[in-house]
Amino acid sequence: MEKKTYVYWQEEKMWIGYLEEYPDYMTQGETIEELEENLKDIYRELTGGAIPNVRRVAELEMA
């Protein structure tokens, strides 16, 4: 099973979050569990080609 890191916080009654690899694509949920399901959905859309021109974050090793 593949694992992905996500960033999340609570704003009023909603939980907001995004996958660390895709910070431009946020989602939300009324509970942490709903947020996690929504993050899984957006991951499938991002990696399945449903969203064009996906921007990602990567690391670059400097000498």
Protein backbone atom coordinates (compact mmCIF):
# COMPACT_ATOMS: atom_id res chain seq x y z
CA MET A 1 0.00 0.00 0.00
CA GLU A 2 1.37 3.39 -1.02
CA LYS A 3 1.40 6.20 1.56
CA LYS A 4 1.27 9.94 0.88
CA THR A 5 1.96 12.79 3.29
CA TYR A 6 -0.67 15.50 3.64
CA VAL A 7 -0.95 18.84 5.39
CA TYR A 8 -4.19 19.73 7.16
CA TRP A 9 -5.78 22.25 9.51
CA GLN A 10 -9.18 23.19 10.85
CA GLU A 11 -10.99 26.36 9.79
CA GLU A 12 -14.15 26.88 11.78
CA LYS A 13 -16.08 23.59 11.34
CA MET A 14 -14.21 22.26 8.28
CA TRP A 15 -10.93 20.38 7.92
CA ILE A 16 -8.83 21.68 5.01
CA GLY A 17 -5.89 19.82 3.51
CA TYR A 18 -3.68 19.02 0.55
CA LEU A 19 -1.22 16.34 -0.45
CA GLU A 20 2.32 17.52 0.23
CA GLU A 21 3.34 16.54 -3.32
CA TYR A 22 0.49 18.61 -4.81
CA PRO A 23 0.11 21.78 -2.67
CA ASP A 24 -1.98 23.63 -5.27
CA TYR A 25 -4.87 21.17 -4.98
CA MET A 26 -6.72 21.59 -1.69
CA THR A 27 -9.83 19.82 -0.51
CA GLN A 28 -11.95 19.78 2.64
CA GLY A 29 -14.20 17.65 4.82
CA GLU A 30 -16.45 17.99 7.83
CA THR A 31 -14.36 15.30 9.59
CA ILE A 32 -10.76 14.10 9.30
CA GLU A 33 -12.08 10.86 7.79
CA GLU A 34 -14.02 12.76 5.11
CA LEU A 35 -10.97 14.91 4.39
CA GLU A 36 -8.84 11.79 3.93
CA GLU A 37 -11.39 10.28 1.52
CA ASN A 38 -11.47 13.54 -0.45
CA LEU A 39 -7.66 13.57 -0.57
CA LYS A 40 -7.69 10.03 -1.97
CA ASP A 41 -10.21 11.11 -4.61
CA ILE A 42 -8.16 14.11 -5.69
CA TYR A 43 -5.01 11.95 -5.80
CA ARG A 44 -6.74 9.56 -8.21
CA GLU A 45 -7.82 12.52 -10.35
CA LEU A 46 -4.33 14.07 -10.32
CA THR A 47 -2.54 10.86 -11.22
CA GLY A 48 -5.19 9.53 -13.59
CA GLY A 49 -5.05 12.38 -16.07
CA ALA A 50 -8.43 13.89 -15.16
CA ILE A 51 -6.79 17.21 -14.26
CA PRO A 52 -4.62 18.79 -16.97
CA ASN A 53 -1.30 20.58 -16.36
CA VAL A 54 -0.75 19.22 -12.84
CA ARG A 55 1.92 21.07 -10.88
CA ARG A 56 4.03 19.08 -8.41
CA VAL A 57 6.67 19.65 -5.75
CA ALA A 58 10.05 17.90 -5.92
CA GLU A 59 13.44 18.11 -4.22
CA LEU A 60 16.63 19.09 -5.99
CA GLU A 61 19.99 18.09 -4.50
CA MET A 62 22.51 20.92 -4.72
CA ALA A 63 26.28 20.37 -4.72
